[in-house]
Amino acid sequence: MTWLAPAVIATMADTAIMAFIYYYLYLQDRRKYLGIWAIGWSLYFVRFIFMLGIVTARENSFLLIGNQVCSLISGFFLLWGTHEFIDKKFPAIWLYTTLIGISWIIFSIFF
């Protein structure tokens, strides 16, 4: 599809701007949650690199795993940053759930 690659690039640019903004805010304010959010948005940006590879090249297992794992890990970091923002203890169950999800993604794509 000819419109899909430009759409992914445009969304990737928006995500890069978000990551840069949160990184800049972290440098200015040194709040832990801003740094965690910057990492989350940066990983979401990496997801679009994998997605661009999927759109422009043939689908392969590495690109699919990278896309899904980056999406899951970025969600973990965004959730962790939100817990830091509202000053609540981050439940360890989310870490274990994320690790199980990553294992599930790898297992389901390979098998």
PDB file of N, CA and C in Angstrom:
ATOM      1  N   MET A   1       0.844  -1.180   0.000  1.00  0.00           N
ATOM      2  CA  MET A   1       0.000   0.000   0.000  1.00  0.00           C
ATOM      3  C   MET A   1       0.889   1.244   0.000  1.00  0.00           C
ATOM      4  N   THR A   2       0.615   2.136  -0.907  1.00  0.00           N
ATOM      5  CA  THR A   2       1.481   3.293  -1.093  1.00  0.00           C
ATOM      6  C   THR A   2       1.337   4.346  -0.001  1.00  0.00           C
ATOM      7  N   TRP A   3       0.220   4.398   0.676  1.00  0.00           N
ATOM      8  CA  TRP A   3       0.011   5.426   1.697  1.00  0.00           C
ATOM      9  C   TRP A   3       0.492   5.001   3.074  1.00  0.00           C
ATOM     10  N   LEU A   4       0.771   3.727   3.281  1.00  0.00           N
ATOM     11  CA  LEU A   4       1.094   3.236   4.610  1.00  0.00           C
ATOM     12  C   LEU A   4       2.467   3.696   5.099  1.00  0.00           C
ATOM     13  N   ALA A   5       3.470   3.657   4.252  1.00  0.00           N
ATOM     14  CA  ALA A   5       4.815   4.083   4.659  1.00  0.00           C
ATOM     15  C   ALA A   5       4.850   5.565   5.049  1.00  0.00           C
ATOM     16  N   PRO A   6       4.254   6.480   4.270  1.00  0.00           N
ATOM     17  CA  PRO A   6       4.248   7.880   4.711  1.00  0.00           C
ATOM     18  C   PRO A   6       3.466   8.095   6.016  1.00  0.00           C
ATOM     19  N   ALA A   7       2.415   7.315   6.216  1.00  0.00           N
ATOM     20  CA  ALA A   7       1.653   7.436   7.468  1.00  0.00           C
ATOM     21  C   ALA A   7       2.493   6.992   8.658  1.00  0.00           C
ATOM     22  N   VAL A   8       3.248   5.925   8.482  1.00  0.00           N
ATOM     23  CA  VAL A   8       4.117   5.452   9.564  1.00  0.00           C
ATOM     24  C   VAL A   8       5.217   6.477   9.836  1.00  0.00           C
ATOM     25  N   ILE A   9       5.771   7.072   8.786  1.00  0.00           N
ATOM     26  CA  ILE A   9       6.819   8.085   8.959  1.00  0.00           C
ATOM     27  C   ILE A   9       6.272   9.318   9.678  1.00  0.00           C
ATOM     28  N   ALA A  10       5.070   9.737   9.331  1.00  0.00           N
ATOM     29  CA  ALA A  10       4.472  10.898   9.992  1.00  0.00           C
ATOM     30  C   ALA A  10       4.215  10.616  11.475  1.00  0.00           C
ATOM     31  N   THR A  11       3.718   9.447  11.765  1.00  0.00           N
ATOM     32  CA  THR A  11       3.479   9.081  13.159  1.00  0.00           C
ATOM     33  C   THR A  11       4.797   8.922  13.905  1.00  0.00           C
ATOM     34  N   MET A  12       5.809   8.413  13.223  1.00  0.00           N
ATOM     35  CA  MET A  12       7.124   8.287  13.828  1.00  0.00           C
ATOM     36  C   MET A  12       7.697   9.666  14.174  1.00  0.00           C
ATOM     37  N   ALA A  13       7.489  10.636  13.307  1.00  0.00           N
ATOM     38  CA  ALA A  13       7.968  11.989  13.570  1.00  0.00           C
ATOM     39  C   ALA A  13       7.262  12.583  14.785  1.00  0.00           C
ATOM     40  N   ASP A  14       5.956  12.364  14.890  1.00  0.00           N
ATOM     41  CA  ASP A  14       5.215  12.852  16.064  1.00  0.00           C
ATOM     42  C   ASP A  14       5.740  12.223  17.339  1.00  0.00           C
ATOM     43  N   THR A  15       6.018  10.944  17.302  1.00  0.00           N
ATOM     44  CA  THR A  15       6.528  10.249  18.471  1.00  0.00           C
ATOM     45  C   THR A  15       7.929  10.730  18.839  1.00  0.00           C
ATOM     46  N   ALA A  16       8.751  11.015  17.841  1.00  0.00           N
ATOM     47  CA  ALA A  16      10.091  11.558  18.102  1.00  0.00           C
ATOM     48  C   ALA A  16       9.990  12.922  18.783  1.00  0.00           C
ATOM     49  N   ILE A  17       9.038  13.730  18.359  1.00  0.00           N
ATOM     50  CA  ILE A  17       8.826  15.035  18.994  1.00  0.00           C
ATOM     51  C   ILE A  17       8.408  14.864  20.448  1.00  0.00           C
ATOM     52  N   MET A  18       7.495  13.912  20.703  1.00  0.00           N
ATOM     53  CA  MET A  18       7.072  13.643  22.082  1.00  0.00           C
ATOM     54  C   MET A  18       8.250  13.203  22.938  1.00  0.00           C
ATOM     55  N   ALA A  19       9.075  12.299  22.417  1.00  0.00           N
ATOM     56  CA  ALA A  19      10.241  11.822  23.170  1.00  0.00           C
ATOM     57  C   ALA A  19      11.199  12.970  23.455  1.00  0.00           C
ATOM     58  N   PHE A  20      11.423  13.814  22.456  1.00  0.00           N
ATOM     59  CA  PHE A  20      12.317  14.954  22.643  1.00  0.00           C
ATOM     60  C   PHE A  20      11.773  15.935  23.673  1.00  0.00           C
ATOM     61  N   ILE A  21      10.483  16.191  23.633  1.00  0.00           N
ATOM     62  CA  ILE A  21       9.874  17.124  24.591  1.00  0.00           C
ATOM     63  C   ILE A  21      10.033  16.609  26.017  1.00  0.00           C
ATOM     64  N   TYR A  22       9.729  15.327  26.221  1.00  0.00           N
ATOM     65  CA  TYR A  22       9.866  14.782  27.570  1.00  0.00           C
ATOM     66  C   TYR A  22      11.317  14.735  28.016  1.00  0.00           C
ATOM     67  N   TYR A  23      12.246  14.457  27.107  1.00  0.00           N
ATOM     68  CA  TYR A  23      13.660  14.479  27.454  1.00  0.00           C
ATOM     69  C   TYR A  23      14.103  15.900  27.814  1.00  0.00           C
ATOM     70  N   TYR A  24      13.654  16.874  27.048  1.00  0.00           N
ATOM     71  CA  TYR A  24      13.978  18.271  27.329  1.00  0.00           C
ATOM     72  C   TYR A  24      13.409  18.695  28.688  1.00  0.00           C
ATOM     73  N   LEU A  25      12.165  18.311  28.957  1.00  0.00           N
ATOM     74  CA  LEU A  25      11.565  18.645  30.246  1.00  0.00           C
ATOM     75  C   LEU A  25      12.310  17.972  31.395  1.00  0.00           C
ATOM     76  N   TYR A  26      12.770  16.744  31.149  1.00  0.00           N
ATOM     77  CA  TYR A  26      13.549  16.061  32.175  1.00  0.00           C
ATOM     78  C   TYR A  26      14.861  16.804  32.446  1.00  0.00           C
ATOM     79  N   LEU A  27      15.526  17.262  31.387  1.00  0.00           N
ATOM     80  CA  LEU A  27      16.771  18.004  31.575  1.00  0.00           C
ATOM     81  C   LEU A  27      16.545  19.315  32.328  1.00  0.00           C
ATOM     82  N   GLN A  28      15.395  19.929  32.131  1.00  0.00           N
ATOM     83  CA  GLN A  28      15.100  21.186  32.800  1.00  0.00           C
ATOM     84  C   GLN A  28      14.673  20.992  34.252  1.00  0.00           C
ATOM     85  N   ASP A  29      13.888  19.956  34.510  1.00  0.00           N
ATOM     86  CA  ASP A  29      13.242  19.793  35.811  1.00  0.00           C
ATOM     87  C   ASP A  29      13.814  18.661  36.667  1.00  0.00           C
ATOM     88  N   ARG A  30      14.485  17.698  36.040  1.00  0.00           N
ATOM     89  CA  ARG A  30      15.083  16.546  36.721  1.00  0.00           C
ATOM     90  C   ARG A  30      14.085  15.752  37.555  1.00  0.00           C
ATOM     91  N   ARG A  31      12.861  15.663  37.070  1.00  0.00           N
ATOM     92  CA  ARG A  31      11.859  14.815  37.729  1.00  0.00           C
ATOM     93  C   ARG A  31      11.965  13.413  37.145  1.00  0.00           C
ATOM     94  N   LYS A  32      11.931  12.423  38.028  1.00  0.00           N
ATOM     95  CA  LYS A  32      12.133  11.038  37.604  1.00  0.00           C
ATOM     96  C   LYS A  32      11.084  10.604  36.585  1.00  0.00           C
ATOM     97  N   TYR A  33       9.835  10.983  36.791  1.00  0.00           N
ATOM     98  CA  TYR A  33       8.769  10.541  35.892  1.00  0.00           C
ATOM     99  C   TYR A  33       8.945  11.098  34.486  1.00  0.00           C
ATOM    100  N   LEU A  34       9.515  12.278  34.352  1.00  0.00           N
ATOM    101  CA  LEU A  34       9.752  12.834  33.013  1.00  0.00           C
ATOM    102  C   LEU A  34      10.795  12.012  32.259  1.00  0.00           C
ATOM    103  N   GLY A  35      11.835  11.562  32.952  1.00  0.00           N
ATOM    104  CA  GLY A  35      12.840  10.715  32.330  1.00  0.00           C
ATOM    105  C   GLY A  35      12.275   9.359  31.928  1.00  0.00           C
ATOM    106  N   ILE A  36      11.427   8.806  32.788  1.00  0.00           N
ATOM    107  CA  ILE A  36      10.812   7.512  32.475  1.00  0.00           C
ATOM    108  C   ILE A  36       9.884   7.659  31.276  1.00  0.00           C
ATOM    109  N   TRP A  37       9.120   8.736  31.226  1.00  0.00           N
ATOM    110  CA  TRP A  37       8.245   8.969  30.075  1.00  0.00           C
ATOM    111  C   TRP A  37       9.060   9.165  28.797  1.00  0.00           C
ATOM    112  N   ALA A  38      10.198   9.851  28.907  1.00  0.00           N
ATOM    113  CA  ALA A  38      11.058  10.042  27.730  1.00  0.00           C
ATOM    114  C   ALA A  38      11.550   8.693  27.202  1.00  0.00           C
ATOM    115  N   ILE A  39      11.911   7.792  28.108  1.00  0.00           N
ATOM    116  CA  ILE A  39      12.335   6.453  27.689  1.00  0.00           C
ATOM    117  C   ILE A  39      11.171   5.719  27.025  1.00  0.00           C
ATOM    118  N   GLY A  40       9.976   5.833  27.620  1.00  0.00           N
ATOM    119  CA  GLY A  40       8.802   5.176  27.047  1.00  0.00           C
ATOM    120  C   GLY A  40       8.495   5.650  25.636  1.00  0.00           C
ATOM    121  N   TRP A  41       8.529   6.966  25.434  1.00  0.00           N
ATOM    122  CA  TRP A  41       8.253   7.489  24.092  1.00  0.00           C
ATOM    123  C   TRP A  41       9.378   7.152  23.122  1.00  0.00           C
ATOM    124  N   SER A  42      10.614   7.081  23.609  1.00  0.00           N
ATOM    125  CA  SER A  42      11.726   6.697  22.734  1.00  0.00           C
ATOM    126  C   SER A  42      11.575   5.252  22.264  1.00  0.00           C
ATOM    127  N   LEU A  43      11.159   4.375  23.167  1.00  0.00           N
ATOM    128  CA  LEU A  43      10.932   2.983  22.770  1.00  0.00           C
ATOM    129  C   LEU A  43       9.756   2.863  21.814  1.00  0.00           C
ATOM    130  N   TYR A  44       8.766   3.714  21.991  1.00  0.00           N
ATOM    131  CA  TYR A  44       7.645   3.710  21.049  1.00  0.00           C
ATOM    132  C   TYR A  44       8.100   4.185  19.668  1.00  0.00           C
ATOM    133  N   PHE A  45       9.058   5.117  19.641  1.00  0.00           N
ATOM    134  CA  PHE A  45       9.654   5.558  18.386  1.00  0.00           C
ATOM    135  C   PHE A  45      10.377   4.390  17.698  1.00  0.00           C
ATOM    136  N   VAL A  46      11.114   3.608  18.482  1.00  0.00           N
ATOM    137  CA  VAL A  46      11.822   2.446  17.930  1.00  0.00           C
ATOM    138  C   VAL A  46      10.821   1.460  17.337  1.00  0.00           C
ATOM    139  N   ARG A  47       9.651   1.363  17.952  1.00  0.00           N
ATOM    140  CA  ARG A  47       8.601   0.487  17.418  1.00  0.00           C
ATOM    141  C   ARG A  47       8.264   0.856  15.975  1.00  0.00           C
ATOM    142  N   PHE A  48       8.211   2.143  15.694  1.00  0.00           N
ATOM    143  CA  PHE A  48       7.883   2.582  14.339  1.00  0.00           C
ATOM    144  C   PHE A  48       9.001   2.274  13.349  1.00  0.00           C
ATOM    145  N   ILE A  49      10.224   2.176  13.819  1.00  0.00           N
ATOM    146  CA  ILE A  49      11.307   1.760  12.932  1.00  0.00           C
ATOM    147  C   ILE A  49      11.065   0.317  12.481  1.00  0.00           C
ATOM    148  N   PHE A  50      10.706  -0.544  13.437  1.00  0.00           N
ATOM    149  CA  PHE A  50      10.373  -1.922  13.076  1.00  0.00           C
ATOM    150  C   PHE A  50       9.151  -1.964  12.157  1.00  0.00           C
ATOM    151  N   MET A  51       8.156  -1.130  12.460  1.00  0.00           N
ATOM    152  CA  MET A  51       6.939  -1.122  11.648  1.00  0.00           C
ATOM    153  C   MET A  51       7.236  -0.652  10.223  1.00  0.00           C
ATOM    154  N   LEU A  52       8.118   0.311  10.095  1.00  0.00           N
ATOM    155  CA  LEU A  52       8.503   0.771   8.757  1.00  0.00           C
ATOM    156  C   LEU A  52       9.192  -0.342   7.986  1.00  0.00           C
ATOM    157  N   GLY A  53       9.996  -1.139   8.680  1.00  0.00           N
ATOM    158  CA  GLY A  53      10.610  -2.301   8.037  1.00  0.00           C
ATOM    159  C   GLY A  53       9.574  -3.318   7.599  1.00  0.00           C
ATOM    160  N   ILE A  54       8.541  -3.501   8.408  1.00  0.00           N
ATOM    161  CA  ILE A  54       7.472  -4.440   8.053  1.00  0.00           C
ATOM    162  C   ILE A  54       6.712  -3.937   6.826  1.00  0.00           C
ATOM    163  N   VAL A  55       6.459  -2.631   6.783  1.00  0.00           N
ATOM    164  CA  VAL A  55       5.678  -2.057   5.685  1.00  0.00           C
ATOM    165  C   VAL A  55       6.467  -2.058   4.375  1.00  0.00           C
ATOM    166  N   THR A  56       7.749  -1.713   4.434  1.00  0.00           N
ATOM    167  CA  THR A  56       8.519  -1.568   3.196  1.00  0.00           C
ATOM    168  C   THR A  56       9.159  -2.876   2.739  1.00  0.00           C
ATOM    169  N   ALA A  57       9.492  -3.730   3.675  1.00  0.00           N
ATOM    170  CA  ALA A  57      10.117  -5.007   3.306  1.00  0.00           C
ATOM    171  C   ALA A  57       9.124  -6.134   3.570  1.00  0.00           C
ATOM    172  N   ARG A  58       9.591  -7.314   3.353  1.00  0.00           N
ATOM    173  CA  ARG A  58       8.743  -8.459   3.673  1.00  0.00           C
ATOM    174  C   ARG A  58       8.677  -8.629   5.177  1.00  0.00           C
ATOM    175  N   GLU A  59       7.567  -9.165   5.621  1.00  0.00           N
ATOM    176  CA  GLU A  59       7.442  -9.453   7.046  1.00  0.00           C
ATOM    177  C   GLU A  59       8.391 -10.581   7.409  1.00  0.00           C
ATOM    178  N   ASN A  60       9.146 -10.369   8.459  1.00  0.00           N
ATOM    179  CA  ASN A  60       9.929 -11.466   9.004  1.00  0.00           C
ATOM    180  C   ASN A  60       9.745 -11.484  10.514  1.00  0.00           C
ATOM    181  N   SER A  61      10.153 -12.555  11.130  1.00  0.00           N
ATOM    182  CA  SER A  61       9.898 -12.757  12.554  1.00  0.00           C
ATOM    183  C   SER A  61      10.579 -11.708  13.419  1.00  0.00           C
ATOM    184  N   PHE A  62      11.804 -11.331  13.070  1.00  0.00           N
ATOM    185  CA  PHE A  62      12.540 -10.355  13.868  1.00  0.00           C
ATOM    186  C   PHE A  62      11.817  -9.016  13.917  1.00  0.00           C
ATOM    187  N   LEU A  63      11.320  -8.557  12.784  1.00  0.00           N
ATOM    188  CA  LEU A  63      10.614  -7.272  12.742  1.00  0.00           C
ATOM    189  C   LEU A  63       9.304  -7.325  13.527  1.00  0.00           C
ATOM    190  N   LEU A  64       8.595  -8.433  13.413  1.00  0.00           N
ATOM    191  CA  LEU A  64       7.342  -8.571  14.161  1.00  0.00           C
ATOM    192  C   LEU A  64       7.588  -8.599  15.665  1.00  0.00           C
ATOM    193  N   ILE A  65       8.602  -9.346  16.086  1.00  0.00           N
ATOM    194  CA  ILE A  65       8.925  -9.404  17.516  1.00  0.00           C
ATOM    195  C   ILE A  65       9.365  -8.028  18.009  1.00  0.00           C
ATOM    196  N   GLY A  66      10.231  -7.375  17.268  1.00  0.00           N
ATOM    197  CA  GLY A  66      10.689  -6.043  17.668  1.00  0.00           C
ATOM    198  C   GLY A  66       9.551  -5.054  17.787  1.00  0.00           C
ATOM    199  N   ASN A  67       8.627  -5.080  16.852  1.00  0.00           N
ATOM    200  CA  ASN A  67       7.479  -4.186  16.865  1.00  0.00           C
ATOM    201  C   ASN A  67       6.632  -4.400  18.114  1.00  0.00           C
ATOM    202  N   GLN A  68       6.274  -5.644  18.369  1.00  0.00           N
ATOM    203  CA  GLN A  68       5.394  -5.944  19.494  1.00  0.00           C
ATOM    204  C   GLN A  68       6.084  -5.759  20.844  1.00  0.00           C
ATOM    205  N   VAL A  69       7.330  -6.173  20.942  1.00  0.00           N
ATOM    206  CA  VAL A  69       8.051  -6.047  22.209  1.00  0.00           C
ATOM    207  C   VAL A  69       8.292  -4.578  22.552  1.00  0.00           C
ATOM    208  N   CYS A  70       8.660  -3.765  21.568  1.00  0.00           N
ATOM    209  CA  CYS A  70       8.843  -2.332  21.829  1.00  0.00           C
ATOM    210  C   CYS A  70       7.546  -1.676  22.273  1.00  0.00           C
ATOM    211  N   SER A  71       6.446  -2.089  21.684  1.00  0.00           N
ATOM    212  CA  SER A  71       5.151  -1.555  22.081  1.00  0.00           C
ATOM    213  C   SER A  71       4.838  -1.919  23.525  1.00  0.00           C
ATOM    214  N   LEU A  72       5.075  -3.147  23.906  1.00  0.00           N
ATOM    215  CA  LEU A  72       4.792  -3.603  25.263  1.00  0.00           C
ATOM    216  C   LEU A  72       5.708  -2.937  26.281  1.00  0.00           C
ATOM    217  N   ILE A  73       6.989  -2.860  25.984  1.00  0.00           N
ATOM    218  CA  ILE A  73       7.934  -2.255  26.924  1.00  0.00           C
ATOM    219  C   ILE A  73       7.695  -0.756  27.055  1.00  0.00           C
ATOM    220  N   SER A  74       7.352  -0.091  25.968  1.00  0.00           N
ATOM    221  CA  SER A  74       7.066   1.344  26.074  1.00  0.00           C
ATOM    222  C   SER A  74       5.822   1.584  26.925  1.00  0.00           C
ATOM    223  N   GLY A  75       4.829   0.720  26.786  1.00  0.00           N
ATOM    224  CA  GLY A  75       3.654   0.824  27.651  1.00  0.00           C
ATOM    225  C   GLY A  75       4.017   0.635  29.108  1.00  0.00           C
ATOM    226  N   PHE A  76       4.933  -0.289  29.388  1.00  0.00           N
ATOM    227  CA  PHE A  76       5.410  -0.503  30.755  1.00  0.00           C
ATOM    228  C   PHE A  76       6.048   0.767  31.303  1.00  0.00           C
ATOM    229  N   PHE A  77       6.926   1.391  30.520  1.00  0.00           N
ATOM    230  CA  PHE A  77       7.597   2.603  30.981  1.00  0.00           C
ATOM    231  C   PHE A  77       6.620   3.766  31.155  1.00  0.00           C
ATOM    232  N   LEU A  78       5.658   3.891  30.262  1.00  0.00           N
ATOM    233  CA  LEU A  78       4.669   4.960  30.411  1.00  0.00           C
ATOM    234  C   LEU A  78       3.814   4.745  31.657  1.00  0.00           C
ATOM    235  N   LEU A  79       3.471   3.507  31.952  1.00  0.00           N
ATOM    236  CA  LEU A  79       2.712   3.199  33.168  1.00  0.00           C
ATOM    237  C   LEU A  79       3.558   3.452  34.409  1.00  0.00           C
ATOM    238  N   TRP A  80       4.807   3.055  34.367  1.00  0.00           N
ATOM    239  CA  TRP A  80       5.714   3.293  35.495  1.00  0.00           C
ATOM    240  C   TRP A  80       5.876   4.797  35.742  1.00  0.00           C
ATOM    241  N   GLY A  81       6.052   5.561  34.681  1.00  0.00           N
ATOM    242  CA  GLY A  81       6.162   7.012  34.826  1.00  0.00           C
ATOM    243  C   GLY A  81       4.905   7.623  35.412  1.00  0.00           C
ATOM    244  N   THR A  82       3.758   7.097  35.054  1.00  0.00           N
ATOM    245  CA  THR A  82       2.500   7.598  35.605  1.00  0.00           C
ATOM    246  C   THR A  82       2.416   7.308  37.099  1.00  0.00           C
ATOM    247  N   HIS A  83       2.862   6.122  37.513  1.00  0.00           N
ATOM    248  CA  HIS A  83       2.877   5.824  38.938  1.00  0.00           C
ATOM    249  C   HIS A  83       3.831   6.755  39.686  1.00  0.00           C
ATOM    250  N   GLU A  84       4.965   7.069  39.082  1.00  0.00           N
ATOM    251  CA  GLU A  84       5.894   8.025  39.700  1.00  0.00           C
ATOM    252  C   GLU A  84       5.265   9.412  39.776  1.00  0.00           C
ATOM    253  N   PHE A  85       4.534   9.788  38.744  1.00  0.00           N
ATOM    254  CA  PHE A  85       3.904  11.108  38.698  1.00  0.00           C
ATOM    255  C   PHE A  85       2.874  11.279  39.818  1.00  0.00           C
ATOM    256  N   ILE A  86       2.064  10.256  40.039  1.00  0.00           N
ATOM    257  CA  ILE A  86       1.033  10.352  41.082  1.00  0.00           C
ATOM    258  C   ILE A  86       1.579   9.919  42.441  1.00  0.00           C
ATOM    259  N   ASP A  87       2.881   9.633  42.494  1.00  0.00           N
ATOM    260  CA  ASP A  87       3.582   9.322  43.735  1.00  0.00           C
ATOM    261  C   ASP A  87       3.019   8.085  44.431  1.00  0.00           C
ATOM    262  N   LYS A  88       2.799   7.048  43.642  1.00  0.00           N
ATOM    263  CA  LYS A  88       2.360   5.764  44.178  1.00  0.00           C
ATOM    264  C   LYS A  88       3.413   4.714  43.876  1.00  0.00           C
ATOM    265  N   LYS A  89       3.478   3.713  44.743  1.00  0.00           N
ATOM    266  CA  LYS A  89       4.422   2.620  44.550  1.00  0.00           C
ATOM    267  C   LYS A  89       4.009   1.818  43.321  1.00  0.00           C
ATOM    268  N   PHE A  90       4.997   1.503  42.501  1.00  0.00           N
ATOM    269  CA  PHE A  90       4.732   0.750  41.272  1.00  0.00           C
ATOM    270  C   PHE A  90       4.607  -0.729  41.613  1.00  0.00           C
ATOM    271  N   PRO A  91       3.467  -1.345  41.312  1.00  0.00           N
ATOM    272  CA  PRO A  91       3.291  -2.764  41.632  1.00  0.00           C
ATOM    273  C   PRO A  91       4.207  -3.648  40.783  1.00  0.00           C
ATOM    274  N   ALA A  92       4.869  -4.586  41.447  1.00  0.00           N
ATOM    275  CA  ALA A  92       5.801  -5.483  40.751  1.00  0.00           C
ATOM    276  C   ALA A  92       5.086  -6.417  39.788  1.00  0.00           C
ATOM    277  N   ILE A  93       3.784  -6.601  39.973  1.00  0.00           N
ATOM    278  CA  ILE A  93       3.033  -7.494  39.083  1.00  0.00           C
ATOM    279  C   ILE A  93       3.102  -7.019  37.643  1.00  0.00           C
ATOM    280  N   TRP A  94       3.226  -5.704  37.418  1.00  0.00           N
ATOM    281  CA  TRP A  94       3.308  -5.183  36.052  1.00  0.00           C
ATOM    282  C   TRP A  94       4.608  -5.594  35.373  1.00  0.00           C
ATOM    283  N   LEU A  95       5.692  -5.647  36.154  1.00  0.00           N
ATOM    284  CA  LEU A  95       6.963  -6.111  35.595  1.00  0.00           C
ATOM    285  C   LEU A  95       6.854  -7.575  35.183  1.00  0.00           C
ATOM    286  N   TYR A  96       6.293  -8.394  36.059  1.00  0.00           N
ATOM    287  CA  TYR A  96       6.153  -9.815  35.747  1.00  0.00           C
ATOM    288  C   TYR A  96       5.198 -10.031  34.573  1.00  0.00           C
ATOM    289  N   THR A  97       4.127  -9.261  34.534  1.00  0.00           N
ATOM    290  CA  THR A  97       3.184  -9.365  33.422  1.00  0.00           C
ATOM    291  C   THR A  97       3.849  -8.975  32.104  1.00  0.00           C
ATOM    292  N   THR A  98       4.677  -7.948  32.131  1.00  0.00           N
ATOM    293  CA  THR A  98       5.397  -7.526  30.932  1.00  0.00           C
ATOM    294  C   THR A  98       6.363  -8.614  30.469  1.00  0.00           C
ATOM    295  N   LEU A  99       7.082  -9.210  31.392  1.00  0.00           N
ATOM    296  CA  LEU A  99       8.019 -10.281  31.031  1.00  0.00           C
ATOM    297  C   LEU A  99       7.281 -11.494  30.467  1.00  0.00           C
ATOM    298  N   ILE A 100       6.138 -11.827  31.045  1.00  0.00           N
ATOM    299  CA  ILE A 100       5.330 -12.925  30.512  1.00  0.00           C
ATOM    300  C   ILE A 100       4.822 -12.559  29.116  1.00  0.00           C
ATOM    301  N   GLY A 101       4.406 -11.304  28.942  1.00  0.00           N
ATOM    302  CA  GLY A 101       3.931 -10.852  27.625  1.00  0.00           C
ATOM    303  C   GLY A 101       5.012 -10.926  26.562  1.00  0.00           C
ATOM    304  N   ILE A 102       6.242 -10.537  26.921  1.00  0.00           N
ATOM    305  CA  ILE A 102       7.350 -10.617  25.968  1.00  0.00           C
ATOM    306  C   ILE A 102       7.611 -12.071  25.580  1.00  0.00           C
ATOM    307  N   SER A 103       7.603 -12.950  26.579  1.00  0.00           N
ATOM    308  CA  SER A 103       7.792 -14.376  26.295  1.00  0.00           C
ATOM    309  C   SER A 103       6.690 -14.906  25.396  1.00  0.00           C
ATOM    310  N   TRP A 104       5.471 -14.485  25.655  1.00  0.00           N
ATOM    311  CA  TRP A 104       4.326 -14.914  24.860  1.00  0.00           C
ATOM    312  C   TRP A 104       4.467 -14.434  23.414  1.00  0.00           C
ATOM    313  N   ILE A 105       4.899 -13.205  23.226  1.00  0.00           N
ATOM    314  CA  ILE A 105       5.075 -12.648  21.877  1.00  0.00           C
ATOM    315  C   ILE A 105       6.116 -13.463  21.108  1.00  0.00           C
ATOM    316  N   ILE A 106       7.259 -13.690  21.739  1.00  0.00           N
ATOM    317  CA  ILE A 106       8.325 -14.439  21.066  1.00  0.00           C
ATOM    318  C   ILE A 106       7.866 -15.852  20.754  1.00  0.00           C
ATOM    319  N   PHE A 107       7.231 -16.516  21.707  1.00  0.00           N
ATOM    320  CA  PHE A 107       6.756 -17.883  21.501  1.00  0.00           C
ATOM    321  C   PHE A 107       5.722 -17.944  20.384  1.00  0.00           C
ATOM    322  N   SER A 108       4.761 -17.019  20.399  1.00  0.00           N
ATOM    323  CA  SER A 108       3.681 -17.078  19.413  1.00  0.00           C
ATOM    324  C   SER A 108       4.167 -16.784  17.988  1.00  0.00           C
ATOM    325  N   ILE A 109       5.170 -15.934  17.842  1.00  0.00           N
ATOM    326  CA  ILE A 109       5.656 -15.610  16.494  1.00  0.00           C
ATOM    327  C   ILE A 109       6.535 -16.735  15.955  1.00  0.00           C
ATOM    328  N   PHE A 110       7.351 -17.336  16.800  1.00  0.00           N
ATOM    329  CA  PHE A 110       8.223 -18.404  16.329  1.00  0.00           C
ATOM    330  C   PHE A 110       7.493 -19.735  16.136  1.00  0.00           C
ATOM    331  N   PHE A 111       6.475 -19.971  16.941  1.00  0.00           N
ATOM    332  CA  PHE A 111       5.797 -21.258  16.854  1.00  0.00           C
ATOM    333  C   PHE A 111       4.402 -21.101  16.332  1.00  0.00           C
TER     334      PHE A 111
END
